[in-house]
Amino acid sequence: MYAIIEDSGTQIKVSEGDVIDVDLRERDDDSPIKFERVLAIGDTSNDEAARVGMPYLEGASVTAEVLEEIKEDKIHVIKFKRRKGYRRKIGHRQRMLRIKIGSISG
């Protein structure tokens, strides 16, 4: 079984047991994260068509447990203007949450 969820403006295809990285969010403790914005749910084991929402499926949800907080690879941003002696180099590492998909319901 798989689901397509929306998180922070991106659409992610997930299955039970998948480990994915999502944007960091405010949370109180290590309680599971529940995704309510489910766009579609399908099953690969049978030939039924996937259920697609308009835009979201009513009553569908995906729960996930938080594994750890990580940082992505460093991105270097370079500014340069020719013949002016102007050079700037800035690095950035985005903070992310690594989660494991638990159950898909709906």
PDB file of N, CA and C in Angstrom:
ATOM      1  N   MET A   1       0.845  -1.173   0.000  1.00  0.00           N
ATOM      2  CA  MET A   1       0.000   0.000   0.000  1.00  0.00           C
ATOM      3  C   MET A   1       0.893   1.239   0.000  1.00  0.00           C
ATOM      4  N   TYR A   2       0.499   2.232  -0.756  1.00  0.00           N
ATOM      5  CA  TYR A   2       1.262   3.466  -0.817  1.00  0.00           C
ATOM      6  C   TYR A   2       0.311   4.655  -0.700  1.00  0.00           C
ATOM      7  N   ALA A   3       0.878   5.802  -0.380  1.00  0.00           N
ATOM      8  CA  ALA A   3       0.101   7.039  -0.284  1.00  0.00           C
ATOM      9  C   ALA A   3       0.948   8.180  -0.813  1.00  0.00           C
ATOM     10  N   ILE A   4       0.283   9.184  -1.339  1.00  0.00           N
ATOM     11  CA  ILE A   4       0.959  10.412  -1.758  1.00  0.00           C
ATOM     12  C   ILE A   4       0.502  11.499  -0.800  1.00  0.00           C
ATOM     13  N   ILE A   5       1.463  12.057  -0.047  1.00  0.00           N
ATOM     14  CA  ILE A   5       1.153  13.064   0.959  1.00  0.00           C
ATOM     15  C   ILE A   5       1.747  14.396   0.541  1.00  0.00           C
ATOM     16  N   GLU A   6       1.195  15.465   1.102  1.00  0.00           N
ATOM     17  CA  GLU A   6       1.725  16.810   0.873  1.00  0.00           C
ATOM     18  C   GLU A   6       2.331  17.301   2.174  1.00  0.00           C
ATOM     19  N   ASP A   7       3.577  17.774   2.092  1.00  0.00           N
ATOM     20  CA  ASP A   7       4.252  18.313   3.263  1.00  0.00           C
ATOM     21  C   ASP A   7       5.103  19.496   2.838  1.00  0.00           C
ATOM     22  N   SER A   8       4.833  20.648   3.385  1.00  0.00           N
ATOM     23  CA  SER A   8       5.584  21.873   3.116  1.00  0.00           C
ATOM     24  C   SER A   8       5.638  22.198   1.627  1.00  0.00           C
ATOM     25  N   GLY A   9       4.534  21.989   0.922  1.00  0.00           N
ATOM     26  CA  GLY A   9       4.460  22.333  -0.488  1.00  0.00           C
ATOM     27  C   GLY A   9       5.040  21.296  -1.428  1.00  0.00           C
ATOM     28  N   THR A  10       5.484  20.147  -0.913  1.00  0.00           N
ATOM     29  CA  THR A  10       6.013  19.088  -1.764  1.00  0.00           C
ATOM     30  C   THR A  10       5.130  17.855  -1.656  1.00  0.00           C
ATOM     31  N   GLN A  11       5.056  17.083  -2.733  1.00  0.00           N
ATOM     32  CA  GLN A  11       4.303  15.843  -2.748  1.00  0.00           C
ATOM     33  C   GLN A  11       5.289  14.686  -2.647  1.00  0.00           C
ATOM     34  N   ILE A  12       5.018  13.769  -1.716  1.00  0.00           N
ATOM     35  CA  ILE A  12       5.938  12.673  -1.436  1.00  0.00           C
ATOM     36  C   ILE A  12       5.165  11.363  -1.515  1.00  0.00           C
ATOM     37  N   LYS A  13       5.691  10.399  -2.279  1.00  0.00           N
ATOM     38  CA  LYS A  13       5.096   9.068  -2.334  1.00  0.00           C
ATOM     39  C   LYS A  13       5.744   8.211  -1.259  1.00  0.00           C
ATOM     40  N   VAL A  14       4.926   7.653  -0.347  1.00  0.00           N
ATOM     41  CA  VAL A  14       5.439   6.875   0.777  1.00  0.00           C
ATOM     42  C   VAL A  14       4.731   5.532   0.855  1.00  0.00           C
ATOM     43  N   SER A  15       5.427   4.551   1.395  1.00  0.00           N
ATOM     44  CA  SER A  15       4.877   3.235   1.711  1.00  0.00           C
ATOM     45  C   SER A  15       5.189   2.949   3.166  1.00  0.00           C
ATOM     46  N   GLU A  16       4.536   1.938   3.726  1.00  0.00           N
ATOM     47  CA  GLU A  16       4.791   1.576   5.115  1.00  0.00           C
ATOM     48  C   GLU A  16       6.225   1.084   5.260  1.00  0.00           C
ATOM     49  N   GLY A  17       6.936   1.609   6.245  1.00  0.00           N
ATOM     50  CA  GLY A  17       8.315   1.225   6.491  1.00  0.00           C
ATOM     51  C   GLY A  17       9.352   2.104   5.815  1.00  0.00           C
ATOM     52  N   ASP A  18       8.943   3.045   4.967  1.00  0.00           N
ATOM     53  CA  ASP A  18       9.890   3.940   4.297  1.00  0.00           C
ATOM     54  C   ASP A  18      10.514   4.908   5.298  1.00  0.00           C
ATOM     55  N   VAL A  19      11.771   5.254   5.070  1.00  0.00           N
ATOM     56  CA  VAL A  19      12.466   6.268   5.869  1.00  0.00           C
ATOM     57  C   VAL A  19      12.726   7.450   4.950  1.00  0.00           C
ATOM     58  N   ILE A  20      12.157   8.619   5.299  1.00  0.00           N
ATOM     59  CA  ILE A  20      12.286   9.811   4.465  1.00  0.00           C
ATOM     60  C   ILE A  20      12.711  10.996   5.323  1.00  0.00           C
ATOM     61  N   ASP A  21      13.154  12.056   4.654  1.00  0.00           N
ATOM     62  CA  ASP A  21      13.524  13.303   5.320  1.00  0.00           C
ATOM     63  C   ASP A  21      12.489  14.363   4.975  1.00  0.00           C
ATOM     64  N   VAL A  22      11.980  15.058   6.002  1.00  0.00           N
ATOM     65  CA  VAL A  22      11.017  16.138   5.813  1.00  0.00           C
ATOM     66  C   VAL A  22      11.534  17.380   6.515  1.00  0.00           C
ATOM     67  N   ASP A  23      10.923  18.519   6.213  1.00  0.00           N
ATOM     68  CA  ASP A  23      11.334  19.774   6.824  1.00  0.00           C
ATOM     69  C   ASP A  23      11.140  19.732   8.336  1.00  0.00           C
ATOM     70  N   LEU A  24      12.011  20.437   9.031  1.00  0.00           N
ATOM     71  CA  LEU A  24      11.947  20.520  10.482  1.00  0.00           C
ATOM     72  C   LEU A  24      10.672  21.237  10.900  1.00  0.00           C
ATOM     73  N   ARG A  25      10.036  20.776  11.975  1.00  0.00           N
ATOM     74  CA  ARG A  25       8.811  21.405  12.459  1.00  0.00           C
ATOM     75  C   ARG A  25       8.820  21.464  13.977  1.00  0.00           C
ATOM     76  N   GLU A  26       8.010  22.357  14.500  1.00  0.00           N
ATOM     77  CA  GLU A  26       7.879  22.494  15.945  1.00  0.00           C
ATOM     78  C   GLU A  26       7.118  21.291  16.488  1.00  0.00           C
ATOM     79  N   ARG A  27       7.654  20.683  17.549  1.00  0.00           N
ATOM     80  CA  ARG A  27       6.965  19.570  18.187  1.00  0.00           C
ATOM     81  C   ARG A  27       7.341  19.550  19.655  1.00  0.00           C
ATOM     82  N   ASP A  28       6.432  19.030  20.477  1.00  0.00           N
ATOM     83  CA  ASP A  28       6.632  19.058  21.916  1.00  0.00           C
ATOM     84  C   ASP A  28       7.576  17.960  22.399  1.00  0.00           C
ATOM     85  N   ASP A  29       7.351  16.746  21.936  1.00  0.00           N
ATOM     86  CA  ASP A  29       8.169  15.620  22.382  1.00  0.00           C
ATOM     87  C   ASP A  29       8.339  14.652  21.222  1.00  0.00           C
ATOM     88  N   ASP A  30       8.667  13.414  21.520  1.00  0.00           N
ATOM     89  CA  ASP A  30       8.882  12.419  20.466  1.00  0.00           C
ATOM     90  C   ASP A  30       7.592  11.716  20.070  1.00  0.00           C
ATOM     91  N   SER A  31       6.477  12.424  20.137  1.00  0.00           N
ATOM     92  CA  SER A  31       5.209  11.829  19.729  1.00  0.00           C
ATOM     93  C   SER A  31       5.187  11.653  18.212  1.00  0.00           C
ATOM     94  N   PRO A  32       4.407  10.689  17.706  1.00  0.00           N
ATOM     95  CA  PRO A  32       4.369  10.460  16.253  1.00  0.00           C
ATOM     96  C   PRO A  32       3.808  11.661  15.501  1.00  0.00           C
ATOM     97  N   ILE A  33       4.236  11.795  14.265  1.00  0.00           N
ATOM     98  CA  ILE A  33       3.734  12.857  13.390  1.00  0.00           C
ATOM     99  C   ILE A  33       2.600  12.274  12.561  1.00  0.00           C
ATOM    100  N   LYS A  34       1.520  13.051  12.408  1.00  0.00           N
ATOM    101  CA  LYS A  34       0.377  12.593  11.634  1.00  0.00           C
ATOM    102  C   LYS A  34       0.184  13.529  10.452  1.00  0.00           C
ATOM    103  N   PHE A  35       0.218  12.979   9.241  1.00  0.00           N
ATOM    104  CA  PHE A  35       0.007  13.747   8.026  1.00  0.00           C
ATOM    105  C   PHE A  35      -1.460  13.636   7.630  1.00  0.00           C
ATOM    106  N   GLU A  36      -2.174  14.751   7.629  1.00  0.00           N
ATOM    107  CA  GLU A  36      -3.598  14.769   7.290  1.00  0.00           C
ATOM    108  C   GLU A  36      -3.830  15.071   5.815  1.00  0.00           C
ATOM    109  N   ARG A  37      -2.866  15.675   5.153  1.00  0.00           N
ATOM    110  CA  ARG A  37      -3.022  16.058   3.741  1.00  0.00           C
ATOM    111  C   ARG A  37      -2.592  14.905   2.841  1.00  0.00           C
ATOM    112  N   VAL A  38      -3.491  13.968   2.641  1.00  0.00           N
ATOM    113  CA  VAL A  38      -3.239  12.799   1.804  1.00  0.00           C
ATOM    114  C   VAL A  38      -3.918  13.031   0.463  1.00  0.00           C
ATOM    115  N   LEU A  39      -3.142  13.021  -0.608  1.00  0.00           N
ATOM    116  CA  LEU A  39      -3.666  13.288  -1.942  1.00  0.00           C
ATOM    117  C   LEU A  39      -4.215  12.043  -2.615  1.00  0.00           C
ATOM    118  N   ALA A  40      -3.586  10.887  -2.392  1.00  0.00           N
ATOM    119  CA  ALA A  40      -4.026   9.649  -3.037  1.00  0.00           C
ATOM    120  C   ALA A  40      -3.558   8.454  -2.219  1.00  0.00           C
ATOM    121  N   ILE A  41      -4.325   7.370  -2.306  1.00  0.00           N
ATOM    122  CA  ILE A  41      -3.964   6.110  -1.678  1.00  0.00           C
ATOM    123  C   ILE A  41      -4.166   5.012  -2.708  1.00  0.00           C
ATOM    124  N   GLY A  42      -3.172   4.134  -2.845  1.00  0.00           N
ATOM    125  CA  GLY A  42      -3.274   3.029  -3.784  1.00  0.00           C
ATOM    126  C   GLY A  42      -2.674   1.775  -3.202  1.00  0.00           C
ATOM    127  N   ASP A  43      -2.944   0.653  -3.858  1.00  0.00           N
ATOM    128  CA  ASP A  43      -2.429  -0.633  -3.415  1.00  0.00           C
ATOM    129  C   ASP A  43      -1.796  -1.330  -4.608  1.00  0.00           C
ATOM    130  N   THR A  44      -0.540  -1.732  -4.460  1.00  0.00           N
ATOM    131  CA  THR A  44       0.168  -2.360  -5.576  1.00  0.00           C
ATOM    132  C   THR A  44      -0.104  -3.857  -5.665  1.00  0.00           C
ATOM    133  N   SER A  45      -0.691  -4.459  -4.623  1.00  0.00           N
ATOM    134  CA  SER A  45      -0.896  -5.910  -4.643  1.00  0.00           C
ATOM    135  C   SER A  45      -2.096  -6.323  -5.494  1.00  0.00           C
ATOM    136  N   ASN A  46      -3.066  -5.429  -5.685  1.00  0.00           N
ATOM    137  CA  ASN A  46      -4.205  -5.773  -6.543  1.00  0.00           C
ATOM    138  C   ASN A  46      -4.350  -4.733  -7.645  1.00  0.00           C
ATOM    139  N   ASP A  47      -5.253  -4.988  -8.560  1.00  0.00           N
ATOM    140  CA  ASP A  47      -5.379  -4.138  -9.748  1.00  0.00           C
ATOM    141  C   ASP A  47      -6.411  -3.023  -9.596  1.00  0.00           C
ATOM    142  N   GLU A  48      -6.791  -2.691  -8.370  1.00  0.00           N
ATOM    143  CA  GLU A  48      -7.754  -1.612  -8.163  1.00  0.00           C
ATOM    144  C   GLU A  48      -7.108  -0.266  -8.482  1.00  0.00           C
ATOM    145  N   ALA A  49      -7.931   0.666  -8.921  1.00  0.00           N
ATOM    146  CA  ALA A  49      -7.426   2.009  -9.199  1.00  0.00           C
ATOM    147  C   ALA A  49      -7.183   2.740  -7.879  1.00  0.00           C
ATOM    148  N   ALA A  50      -6.231   3.631  -7.885  1.00  0.00           N
ATOM    149  CA  ALA A  50      -5.920   4.413  -6.694  1.00  0.00           C
ATOM    150  C   ALA A  50      -7.049   5.389  -6.416  1.00  0.00           C
ATOM    151  N   ARG A  51      -7.296   5.630  -5.116  1.00  0.00           N
ATOM    152  CA  ARG A  51      -8.299   6.623  -4.728  1.00  0.00           C
ATOM    153  C   ARG A  51      -7.614   7.990  -4.685  1.00  0.00           C
ATOM    154  N   VAL A  52      -8.175   8.934  -5.417  1.00  0.00           N
ATOM    155  CA  VAL A  52      -7.583  10.258  -5.531  1.00  0.00           C
ATOM    156  C   VAL A  52      -8.544  11.270  -4.933  1.00  0.00           C
ATOM    157  N   GLY A  53      -8.017  12.190  -4.110  1.00  0.00           N
ATOM    158  CA  GLY A  53      -8.842  13.201  -3.481  1.00  0.00           C
ATOM    159  C   GLY A  53      -8.958  14.446  -4.338  1.00  0.00           C
ATOM    160  N   MET A  54      -9.881  15.313  -3.941  1.00  0.00           N
ATOM    161  CA  MET A  54     -10.119  16.569  -4.659  1.00  0.00           C
ATOM    162  C   MET A  54     -10.063  17.746  -3.705  1.00  0.00           C
ATOM    163  N   PRO A  55      -9.006  18.290  -3.241  1.00  0.00           N
ATOM    164  CA  PRO A  55      -7.620  17.879  -3.445  1.00  0.00           C
ATOM    165  C   PRO A  55      -7.150  16.813  -2.455  1.00  0.00           C
ATOM    166  N   TYR A  56      -7.825  16.671  -1.274  1.00  0.00           N
ATOM    167  CA  TYR A  56      -7.375  15.715  -0.264  1.00  0.00           C
ATOM    168  C   TYR A  56      -8.440  14.653  -0.039  1.00  0.00           C
ATOM    169  N   LEU A  57      -8.017  13.480   0.423  1.00  0.00           N
ATOM    170  CA  LEU A  57      -8.942  12.410   0.769  1.00  0.00           C
ATOM    171  C   LEU A  57      -9.499  12.661   2.166  1.00  0.00           C
ATOM    172  N   GLU A  58     -10.803  12.534   2.310  1.00  0.00           N
ATOM    173  CA  GLU A  58     -11.447  12.738   3.609  1.00  0.00           C
ATOM    174  C   GLU A  58     -11.169  11.533   4.506  1.00  0.00           C
ATOM    175  N   GLY A  59     -10.731  11.784   5.727  1.00  0.00           N
ATOM    176  CA  GLY A  59     -10.515  10.732   6.709  1.00  0.00           C
ATOM    177  C   GLY A  59      -9.242   9.932   6.530  1.00  0.00           C
ATOM    178  N   ALA A  60      -8.433  10.251   5.564  1.00  0.00           N
ATOM    179  CA  ALA A  60      -7.185   9.520   5.335  1.00  0.00           C
ATOM    180  C   ALA A  60      -6.050  10.184   6.105  1.00  0.00           C
ATOM    181  N   SER A  61      -5.140   9.365   6.614  1.00  0.00           N
ATOM    182  CA  SER A  61      -3.993   9.916   7.335  1.00  0.00           C
ATOM    183  C   SER A  61      -2.821   8.939   7.255  1.00  0.00           C
ATOM    184  N   VAL A  62      -1.639   9.482   7.466  1.00  0.00           N
ATOM    185  CA  VAL A  62      -0.406   8.700   7.493  1.00  0.00           C
ATOM    186  C   VAL A  62       0.318   9.078   8.778  1.00  0.00           C
ATOM    187  N   THR A  63       0.696   8.079   9.572  1.00  0.00           N
ATOM    188  CA  THR A  63       1.430   8.350  10.804  1.00  0.00           C
ATOM    189  C   THR A  63       2.881   7.917  10.631  1.00  0.00           C
ATOM    190  N   ALA A  64       3.767   8.642  11.307  1.00  0.00           N
ATOM    191  CA  ALA A  64       5.197   8.372  11.196  1.00  0.00           C
ATOM    192  C   ALA A  64       5.862   8.651  12.531  1.00  0.00           C
ATOM    193  N   GLU A  65       6.914   7.895  12.826  1.00  0.00           N
ATOM    194  CA  GLU A  65       7.679   8.133  14.045  1.00  0.00           C
ATOM    195  C   GLU A  65       8.977   8.859  13.693  1.00  0.00           C
ATOM    196  N   VAL A  66       9.404   9.738  14.591  1.00  0.00           N
ATOM    197  CA  VAL A  66      10.614  10.530  14.372  1.00  0.00           C
ATOM    198  C   VAL A  66      11.821   9.697  14.783  1.00  0.00           C
ATOM    199  N   LEU A  67      12.769   9.558  13.857  1.00  0.00           N
ATOM    200  CA  LEU A  67      13.999   8.822  14.160  1.00  0.00           C
ATOM    201  C   LEU A  67      15.078   9.739  14.711  1.00  0.00           C
ATOM    202  N   GLU A  68      15.346  10.857  13.998  1.00  0.00           N
ATOM    203  CA  GLU A  68      16.378  11.782  14.448  1.00  0.00           C
ATOM    204  C   GLU A  68      16.255  13.106  13.702  1.00  0.00           C
ATOM    205  N   GLU A  69      16.964  14.097  14.225  1.00  0.00           N
ATOM    206  CA  GLU A  69      17.073  15.388  13.553  1.00  0.00           C
ATOM    207  C   GLU A  69      18.447  15.427  12.885  1.00  0.00           C
ATOM    208  N   ILE A  70      18.475  15.742  11.590  1.00  0.00           N
ATOM    209  CA  ILE A  70      19.721  15.690  10.829  1.00  0.00           C
ATOM    210  C   ILE A  70      19.951  17.019  10.125  1.00  0.00           C
ATOM    211  N   LYS A  71      21.147  17.156   9.545  1.00  0.00           N
ATOM    212  CA  LYS A  71      21.464  18.274   8.665  1.00  0.00           C
ATOM    213  C   LYS A  71      21.795  17.716   7.295  1.00  0.00           C
ATOM    214  N   GLU A  72      21.319  18.371   6.247  1.00  0.00           N
ATOM    215  CA  GLU A  72      21.619  17.948   4.889  1.00  0.00           C
ATOM    216  C   GLU A  72      23.048  18.333   4.527  1.00  0.00           C
ATOM    217  N   ASP A  73      23.470  17.925   3.342  1.00  0.00           N
ATOM    218  CA  ASP A  73      24.794  18.303   2.856  1.00  0.00           C
ATOM    219  C   ASP A  73      24.881  19.811   2.680  1.00  0.00           C
ATOM    220  N   LYS A  74      26.084  20.337   2.814  1.00  0.00           N
ATOM    221  CA  LYS A  74      26.278  21.782   2.715  1.00  0.00           C
ATOM    222  C   LYS A  74      26.117  22.258   1.277  1.00  0.00           C
ATOM    223  N   ILE A  75      25.429  23.365   1.132  1.00  0.00           N
ATOM    224  CA  ILE A  75      25.257  24.021  -0.168  1.00  0.00           C
ATOM    225  C   ILE A  75      26.085  25.299  -0.140  1.00  0.00           C
ATOM    226  N   HIS A  76      26.903  25.526  -1.167  1.00  0.00           N
ATOM    227  CA  HIS A  76      27.733  26.724  -1.254  1.00  0.00           C
ATOM    228  C   HIS A  76      27.092  27.702  -2.225  1.00  0.00           C
ATOM    229  N   VAL A  77      26.907  28.938  -1.776  1.00  0.00           N
ATOM    230  CA  VAL A  77      26.359  30.005  -2.610  1.00  0.00           C
ATOM    231  C   VAL A  77      27.480  31.006  -2.838  1.00  0.00           C
ATOM    232  N   ILE A  78      27.793  31.269  -4.095  1.00  0.00           N
ATOM    233  CA  ILE A  78      28.903  32.159  -4.436  1.00  0.00           C
ATOM    234  C   ILE A  78      28.367  33.349  -5.224  1.00  0.00           C
ATOM    235  N   LYS A  79      28.721  34.556  -4.761  1.00  0.00           N
ATOM    236  CA  LYS A  79      28.378  35.781  -5.488  1.00  0.00           C
ATOM    237  C   LYS A  79      29.663  36.338  -6.080  1.00  0.00           C
ATOM    238  N   PHE A  80      29.585  36.824  -7.302  1.00  0.00           N
ATOM    239  CA  PHE A  80      30.786  37.276  -7.993  1.00  0.00           C
ATOM    240  C   PHE A  80      30.414  38.361  -8.984  1.00  0.00           C
ATOM    241  N   LYS A  81      31.184  39.443  -8.989  1.00  0.00           N
ATOM    242  CA  LYS A  81      31.032  40.487 -10.007  1.00  0.00           C
ATOM    243  C   LYS A  81      32.394  40.682 -10.654  1.00  0.00           C
ATOM    244  N   ARG A  82      32.434  40.556 -11.936  1.00  0.00           N
ATOM    245  CA  ARG A  82      33.719  40.608 -12.623  1.00  0.00           C
ATOM    246  C   ARG A  82      34.303  42.026 -12.605  1.00  0.00           C
ATOM    247  N   ARG A  83      35.605  42.089 -12.557  1.00  0.00           N
ATOM    248  CA  ARG A  83      36.399  43.322 -12.600  1.00  0.00           C
ATOM    249  C   ARG A  83      36.103  44.280 -11.446  1.00  0.00           C
ATOM    250  N   LYS A  84      35.432  43.856 -10.421  1.00  0.00           N
ATOM    251  CA  LYS A  84      35.114  44.749  -9.314  1.00  0.00           C
ATOM    252  C   LYS A  84      35.762  44.313  -7.999  1.00  0.00           C
ATOM    253  N   GLY A  85      36.377  43.158  -7.989  1.00  0.00           N
ATOM    254  CA  GLY A  85      36.992  42.664  -6.760  1.00  0.00           C
ATOM    255  C   GLY A  85      35.972  42.212  -5.733  1.00  0.00           C
ATOM    256  N   TYR A  86      34.778  41.838  -6.182  1.00  0.00           N
ATOM    257  CA  TYR A  86      33.699  41.452  -5.285  1.00  0.00           C
ATOM    258  C   TYR A  86      33.481  39.946  -5.360  1.00  0.00           C
ATOM    259  N   ARG A  87      33.732  39.263  -4.253  1.00  0.00           N
ATOM    260  CA  ARG A  87      33.493  37.828  -4.156  1.00  0.00           C
ATOM    261  C   ARG A  87      32.945  37.518  -2.772  1.00  0.00           C
ATOM    262  N   ARG A  88      31.888  36.707  -2.711  1.00  0.00           N
ATOM    263  CA  ARG A  88      31.322  36.268  -1.440  1.00  0.00           C
ATOM    264  C   ARG A  88      31.016  34.783  -1.541  1.00  0.00           C
ATOM    265  N   LYS A  89      31.339  34.056  -0.500  1.00  0.00           N
ATOM    266  CA  LYS A  89      31.023  32.632  -0.452  1.00  0.00           C
ATOM    267  C   LYS A  89      30.292  32.359   0.859  1.00  0.00           C
ATOM    268  N   ILE A  90      29.100  31.805   0.747  1.00  0.00           N
ATOM    269  CA  ILE A  90      28.257  31.522   1.901  1.00  0.00           C
ATOM    270  C   ILE A  90      27.860  30.050   1.848  1.00  0.00           C
ATOM    271  N   GLY A  91      27.883  29.371   2.979  1.00  0.00           N
ATOM    272  CA  GLY A  91      27.456  27.980   3.058  1.00  0.00           C
ATOM    273  C   GLY A  91      26.193  27.858   3.890  1.00  0.00           C
ATOM    274  N   HIS A  92      25.392  26.826   3.599  1.00  0.00           N
ATOM    275  CA  HIS A  92      24.145  26.609   4.331  1.00  0.00           C
ATOM    276  C   HIS A  92      23.879  25.117   4.451  1.00  0.00           C
ATOM    277  N   ARG A  93      23.470  24.681   5.645  1.00  0.00           N
ATOM    278  CA  ARG A  93      23.046  23.300   5.867  1.00  0.00           C
ATOM    279  C   ARG A  93      21.636  23.320   6.423  1.00  0.00           C
ATOM    280  N   GLN A  94      20.689  22.757   5.674  1.00  0.00           N
ATOM    281  CA  GLN A  94      19.286  22.743   6.076  1.00  0.00           C
ATOM    282  C   GLN A  94      19.050  21.669   7.136  1.00  0.00           C
ATOM    283  N   ARG A  95      18.328  22.019   8.194  1.00  0.00           N
ATOM    284  CA  ARG A  95      17.969  21.057   9.231  1.00  0.00           C
ATOM    285  C   ARG A  95      16.709  20.310   8.815  1.00  0.00           C
ATOM    286  N   MET A  96      16.721  18.992   8.966  1.00  0.00           N
ATOM    287  CA  MET A  96      15.615  18.141   8.542  1.00  0.00           C
ATOM    288  C   MET A  96      15.275  17.140   9.647  1.00  0.00           C
ATOM    289  N   LEU A  97      14.090  16.526   9.519  1.00  0.00           N
ATOM    290  CA  LEU A  97      13.691  15.433  10.394  1.00  0.00           C
ATOM    291  C   LEU A  97      13.711  14.149   9.587  1.00  0.00           C
ATOM    292  N   ARG A  98      14.337  13.108  10.101  1.00  0.00           N
ATOM    293  CA  ARG A  98      14.293  11.792   9.469  1.00  0.00           C
ATOM    294  C   ARG A  98      13.183  11.015  10.155  1.00  0.00           C
ATOM    295  N   ILE A  99      12.208  10.569   9.365  1.00  0.00           N
ATOM    296  CA  ILE A  99      11.055   9.880   9.927  1.00  0.00           C
ATOM    297  C   ILE A  99      10.879   8.518   9.255  1.00  0.00           C
ATOM    298  N   LYS A 100      10.177   7.623   9.961  1.00  0.00           N
ATOM    299  CA  LYS A 100       9.851   6.308   9.419  1.00  0.00           C
ATOM    300  C   LYS A 100       8.340   6.193   9.367  1.00  0.00           C
ATOM    301  N   ILE A 101       7.823   5.869   8.175  1.00  0.00           N
ATOM    302  CA  ILE A 101       6.378   5.784   7.963  1.00  0.00           C
ATOM    303  C   ILE A 101       5.862   4.545   8.685  1.00  0.00           C
ATOM    304  N   GLY A 102       4.836   4.751   9.525  1.00  0.00           N
ATOM    305  CA  GLY A 102       4.272   3.645  10.297  1.00  0.00           C
ATOM    306  C   GLY A 102       3.066   3.031   9.633  1.00  0.00           C
ATOM    307  N   SER A 103       1.963   3.749   9.614  1.00  0.00           N
ATOM    308  CA  SER A 103       0.730   3.174   9.086  1.00  0.00           C
ATOM    309  C   SER A 103       0.051   4.165   8.151  1.00  0.00           C
ATOM    310  N   ILE A 104      -0.651   3.595   7.167  1.00  0.00           N
ATOM    311  CA  ILE A 104      -1.441   4.375   6.219  1.00  0.00           C
ATOM    312  C   ILE A 104      -2.888   3.954   6.416  1.00  0.00           C
ATOM    313  N   SER A 105      -3.744   4.913   6.768  1.00  0.00           N
ATOM    314  CA  SER A 105      -5.156   4.580   6.994  1.00  0.00           C
ATOM    315  C   SER A 105      -6.029   5.471   6.132  1.00  0.00           C
ATOM    316  N   GLY A 106      -7.150   4.928   5.761  1.00  0.00           N
ATOM    317  CA  GLY A 106      -8.078   5.736   4.981  1.00  0.00           C
ATOM    318  C   GLY A 106      -8.607   4.938   3.866  1.00  0.00           C
TER     319      GLY A 106
END
